[in-house]
N, C-alpha and C. Protein backbone atom coordinates (compact mmCIF):
# COMPACT_ATOMS: atom_id res chain seq x y z
N MET A 1 11.99 108.68 -22.84
CA MET A 1 10.80 109.51 -22.77
C MET A 1 9.57 108.65 -23.11
N GLN A 2 8.55 108.77 -22.30
CA GLN A 2 7.34 108.00 -22.55
C GLN A 2 6.42 108.77 -23.48
N THR A 3 5.89 108.06 -24.42
CA THR A 3 4.93 108.67 -25.34
C THR A 3 3.53 108.51 -24.77
N HIS A 4 2.60 109.19 -25.40
CA HIS A 4 1.20 109.11 -24.98
C HIS A 4 0.71 107.67 -25.06
N LEU A 5 1.12 106.95 -26.11
CA LEU A 5 0.70 105.57 -26.29
C LEU A 5 1.26 104.68 -25.19
N ASN A 6 2.51 104.90 -24.80
CA ASN A 6 3.09 104.11 -23.72
C ASN A 6 2.36 104.33 -22.40
N LEU A 7 1.98 105.58 -22.14
CA LEU A 7 1.24 105.88 -20.91
C LEU A 7 -0.12 105.20 -20.91
N LEU A 8 -0.80 105.20 -22.06
CA LEU A 8 -2.09 104.53 -22.15
C LEU A 8 -1.94 103.03 -21.95
N THR A 9 -0.91 102.45 -22.52
CA THR A 9 -0.67 101.02 -22.36
C THR A 9 -0.37 100.69 -20.91
N ALA A 10 0.45 101.51 -20.26
CA ALA A 10 0.79 101.28 -18.85
C ALA A 10 -0.45 101.41 -17.97
N THR A 11 -1.28 102.40 -18.25
CA THR A 11 -2.51 102.59 -17.48
C THR A 11 -3.45 101.41 -17.68
N SER A 12 -3.57 100.95 -18.91
CA SER A 12 -4.42 99.80 -19.21
C SER A 12 -3.92 98.56 -18.49
N GLN A 13 -2.60 98.36 -18.48
CA GLN A 13 -2.00 97.21 -17.80
C GLN A 13 -2.26 97.27 -16.30
N ASN A 14 -2.10 98.45 -15.70
CA ASN A 14 -2.34 98.60 -14.26
C ASN A 14 -3.80 98.32 -13.91
N THR A 15 -4.72 98.81 -14.74
CA THR A 15 -6.14 98.56 -14.52
C THR A 15 -6.44 97.08 -14.60
N ARG A 16 -5.87 96.42 -15.59
CA ARG A 16 -6.09 94.98 -15.76
C ARG A 16 -5.52 94.21 -14.57
N ASN A 17 -4.32 94.59 -14.14
CA ASN A 17 -3.70 93.90 -13.00
C ASN A 17 -4.51 94.10 -11.72
N SER A 18 -5.06 95.30 -11.51
CA SER A 18 -5.86 95.53 -10.31
C SER A 18 -7.16 94.74 -10.38
N SER A 19 -7.71 94.59 -11.57
CA SER A 19 -8.92 93.79 -11.74
C SER A 19 -8.62 92.32 -11.45
N GLU A 20 -7.50 91.84 -11.94
CA GLU A 20 -7.12 90.45 -11.68
C GLU A 20 -6.84 90.24 -10.20
N ARG A 21 -6.24 91.23 -9.57
CA ARG A 21 -5.95 91.15 -8.14
C ARG A 21 -7.26 91.08 -7.34
N GLU A 22 -8.23 91.88 -7.74
CA GLU A 22 -9.53 91.88 -7.06
C GLU A 22 -10.23 90.53 -7.21
N ILE A 23 -10.18 89.97 -8.40
CA ILE A 23 -10.78 88.65 -8.65
C ILE A 23 -10.08 87.59 -7.80
N ALA A 24 -8.76 87.66 -7.75
CA ALA A 24 -7.98 86.70 -6.97
C ALA A 24 -8.30 86.80 -5.48
N GLU A 25 -8.46 88.02 -4.97
CA GLU A 25 -8.81 88.20 -3.56
C GLU A 25 -10.19 87.64 -3.25
N LYS A 26 -11.13 87.82 -4.17
CA LYS A 26 -12.48 87.27 -3.96
C LYS A 26 -12.45 85.74 -3.93
N LEU A 27 -11.67 85.16 -4.83
CA LEU A 27 -11.56 83.70 -4.86
C LEU A 27 -10.92 83.18 -3.58
N GLU A 28 -9.87 83.87 -3.12
CA GLU A 28 -9.23 83.47 -1.87
C GLU A 28 -10.22 83.61 -0.70
N SER A 29 -11.01 84.65 -0.71
CA SER A 29 -11.99 84.87 0.35
C SER A 29 -13.01 83.74 0.38
N HIS A 30 -13.49 83.31 -0.78
CA HIS A 30 -14.44 82.19 -0.83
C HIS A 30 -13.80 80.91 -0.31
N PHE A 31 -12.54 80.69 -0.69
CA PHE A 31 -11.82 79.51 -0.22
C PHE A 31 -11.67 79.53 1.30
N LEU A 32 -11.29 80.69 1.84
CA LEU A 32 -11.13 80.81 3.29
C LEU A 32 -12.46 80.61 4.02
N ALA A 33 -13.55 81.10 3.44
CA ALA A 33 -14.87 80.90 4.05
C ALA A 33 -15.20 79.41 4.14
N GLU A 34 -14.86 78.66 3.11
CA GLU A 34 -15.11 77.21 3.14
C GLU A 34 -14.22 76.53 4.18
N LEU A 35 -12.98 76.99 4.31
CA LEU A 35 -12.10 76.43 5.35
C LEU A 35 -12.65 76.71 6.74
N LEU A 36 -13.13 77.94 6.94
CA LEU A 36 -13.71 78.30 8.24
C LEU A 36 -14.96 77.47 8.53
N LYS A 37 -15.75 77.22 7.49
CA LYS A 37 -16.96 76.40 7.66
C LYS A 37 -16.58 74.98 8.09
N SER A 38 -15.55 74.43 7.44
CA SER A 38 -15.11 73.08 7.78
C SER A 38 -14.56 72.98 9.19
N SER A 39 -13.97 74.08 9.66
CA SER A 39 -13.40 74.06 11.01
C SER A 39 -14.44 74.38 12.09
N GLY A 40 -15.65 74.72 11.69
CA GLY A 40 -16.72 74.95 12.65
C GLY A 40 -16.85 76.38 13.13
N VAL A 41 -16.13 77.30 12.53
CA VAL A 41 -16.24 78.71 12.92
C VAL A 41 -17.62 79.22 12.54
N GLY A 42 -18.28 79.88 13.47
CA GLY A 42 -19.60 80.44 13.21
C GLY A 42 -20.75 79.50 13.51
N ASP A 43 -20.43 78.27 13.91
CA ASP A 43 -21.49 77.34 14.29
C ASP A 43 -22.02 77.73 15.66
N ALA A 44 -23.32 77.77 15.78
CA ALA A 44 -23.94 78.15 17.05
C ALA A 44 -23.96 76.96 18.00
N PRO A 45 -23.73 77.21 19.27
CA PRO A 45 -23.85 76.12 20.25
C PRO A 45 -25.29 75.60 20.28
N SER A 46 -25.43 74.33 20.59
CA SER A 46 -26.76 73.71 20.56
C SER A 46 -27.68 74.24 21.66
N GLU A 47 -27.14 74.92 22.67
CA GLU A 47 -27.99 75.44 23.74
C GLU A 47 -29.00 76.47 23.24
N PHE A 48 -28.69 77.11 22.12
CA PHE A 48 -29.58 78.14 21.60
C PHE A 48 -30.69 77.57 20.73
N GLY A 49 -30.66 76.32 20.46
CA GLY A 49 -31.74 75.70 19.72
C GLY A 49 -31.48 75.52 18.24
N GLY A 50 -30.46 76.15 17.71
CA GLY A 50 -30.14 75.99 16.30
C GLY A 50 -31.18 76.62 15.39
N GLY A 51 -31.32 76.07 14.22
CA GLY A 51 -32.31 76.56 13.28
C GLY A 51 -31.68 77.24 12.09
N GLU A 52 -32.53 77.56 11.13
CA GLU A 52 -32.08 78.18 9.88
C GLU A 52 -31.47 79.56 10.11
N GLY A 53 -32.05 80.33 11.01
CA GLY A 53 -31.55 81.68 11.26
C GLY A 53 -30.12 81.68 11.76
N GLU A 54 -29.84 80.81 12.71
CA GLU A 54 -28.48 80.73 13.25
C GLU A 54 -27.50 80.24 12.19
N GLU A 55 -27.94 79.31 11.37
CA GLU A 55 -27.08 78.81 10.30
C GLU A 55 -26.75 79.92 9.31
N GLN A 56 -27.75 80.73 8.97
CA GLN A 56 -27.54 81.82 8.02
C GLN A 56 -26.60 82.87 8.59
N PHE A 57 -26.78 83.24 9.85
CA PHE A 57 -25.90 84.23 10.44
C PHE A 57 -24.48 83.70 10.59
N GLY A 58 -24.33 82.40 10.79
CA GLY A 58 -23.00 81.79 10.82
C GLY A 58 -22.31 81.95 9.48
N THR A 59 -23.07 81.84 8.40
CA THR A 59 -22.52 82.04 7.06
C THR A 59 -22.04 83.47 6.89
N PHE A 60 -22.83 84.44 7.35
CA PHE A 60 -22.42 85.85 7.28
C PHE A 60 -21.14 86.09 8.07
N LEU A 61 -21.06 85.48 9.25
CA LEU A 61 -19.88 85.65 10.09
C LEU A 61 -18.63 85.08 9.41
N ARG A 62 -18.76 83.87 8.87
CA ARG A 62 -17.63 83.26 8.17
C ARG A 62 -17.20 84.10 6.97
N ARG A 63 -18.17 84.63 6.23
CA ARG A 63 -17.85 85.45 5.06
C ARG A 63 -17.11 86.72 5.49
N ALA A 64 -17.57 87.35 6.56
CA ALA A 64 -16.91 88.57 7.06
C ALA A 64 -15.49 88.27 7.52
N TYR A 65 -15.31 87.17 8.25
CA TYR A 65 -13.97 86.77 8.67
C TYR A 65 -13.07 86.53 7.46
N ALA A 66 -13.58 85.79 6.49
CA ALA A 66 -12.79 85.45 5.30
C ALA A 66 -12.42 86.69 4.50
N ASP A 67 -13.35 87.63 4.36
CA ASP A 67 -13.06 88.87 3.64
C ASP A 67 -11.95 89.65 4.33
N GLU A 68 -12.03 89.75 5.64
CA GLU A 68 -11.00 90.49 6.39
C GLU A 68 -9.66 89.78 6.34
N MET A 69 -9.67 88.46 6.40
CA MET A 69 -8.42 87.71 6.30
C MET A 69 -7.78 87.92 4.94
N SER A 70 -8.58 87.91 3.89
CA SER A 70 -8.06 88.10 2.54
C SER A 70 -7.49 89.50 2.36
N LYS A 71 -8.21 90.51 2.88
CA LYS A 71 -7.73 91.90 2.77
C LYS A 71 -6.42 92.10 3.54
N ALA A 72 -6.24 91.35 4.61
CA ALA A 72 -5.04 91.48 5.44
C ALA A 72 -3.85 90.70 4.88
N GLY A 73 -4.02 90.08 3.74
CA GLY A 73 -2.92 89.33 3.14
C GLY A 73 -3.23 87.87 2.95
N GLY A 74 -4.23 87.39 3.66
CA GLY A 74 -4.68 86.02 3.49
C GLY A 74 -3.58 85.00 3.70
N ILE A 75 -3.63 83.94 2.91
CA ILE A 75 -2.66 82.86 3.01
C ILE A 75 -1.72 82.84 1.81
N GLY A 76 -1.75 83.88 1.01
CA GLY A 76 -0.89 83.97 -0.16
C GLY A 76 -1.50 83.38 -1.42
N LEU A 77 -2.70 82.86 -1.30
CA LEU A 77 -3.35 82.24 -2.45
C LEU A 77 -3.70 83.26 -3.52
N SER A 78 -4.17 84.44 -3.11
CA SER A 78 -4.57 85.45 -4.10
C SER A 78 -3.39 85.91 -4.95
N GLU A 79 -2.20 85.97 -4.36
CA GLU A 79 -1.02 86.37 -5.14
C GLU A 79 -0.71 85.33 -6.21
N GLN A 80 -0.82 84.06 -5.85
CA GLN A 80 -0.56 82.99 -6.82
C GLN A 80 -1.60 82.98 -7.93
N ILE A 81 -2.85 83.21 -7.56
CA ILE A 81 -3.93 83.24 -8.56
C ILE A 81 -3.73 84.42 -9.50
N ALA A 82 -3.41 85.60 -8.96
CA ALA A 82 -3.20 86.78 -9.79
C ALA A 82 -2.05 86.56 -10.76
N ARG A 83 -0.96 85.96 -10.30
CA ARG A 83 0.17 85.67 -11.19
C ARG A 83 -0.25 84.72 -12.30
N ALA A 84 -1.04 83.71 -11.95
CA ALA A 84 -1.50 82.75 -12.95
C ALA A 84 -2.41 83.42 -13.97
N LEU A 85 -3.26 84.34 -13.53
CA LEU A 85 -4.14 85.05 -14.46
C LEU A 85 -3.34 85.93 -15.42
N VAL A 86 -2.32 86.61 -14.89
CA VAL A 86 -1.48 87.46 -15.74
C VAL A 86 -0.72 86.60 -16.74
N ALA A 87 -0.18 85.47 -16.28
CA ALA A 87 0.57 84.58 -17.17
C ALA A 87 -0.32 83.99 -18.25
N ALA A 88 -1.56 83.70 -17.90
CA ALA A 88 -2.49 83.12 -18.88
C ALA A 88 -2.85 84.11 -19.98
N GLU A 89 -2.83 85.40 -19.66
CA GLU A 89 -3.16 86.42 -20.66
C GLU A 89 -2.02 86.68 -21.63
N GLN A 90 -0.81 86.37 -21.20
CA GLN A 90 0.35 86.69 -22.04
C GLN A 90 0.66 85.61 -23.01
């Protein structure tokens, strides 16, 4: 039988784990955005003239791609980071 204290502890643990998971997904998303930048995703063709505006919108595009990739499971990096965060707290 679970006591009130056990339920509070379990709820606190779940909240902490979801927070760590969210942090891990954000870190994975930033990492993926840098990978996409290195691979040239979002770079505008030179026919359009380039410029700061195109560079900025390329950054938005890479960030959106990276966020969606991370939400869809990413490359498994967020799971490893979340496990490391949980292990570091214990």
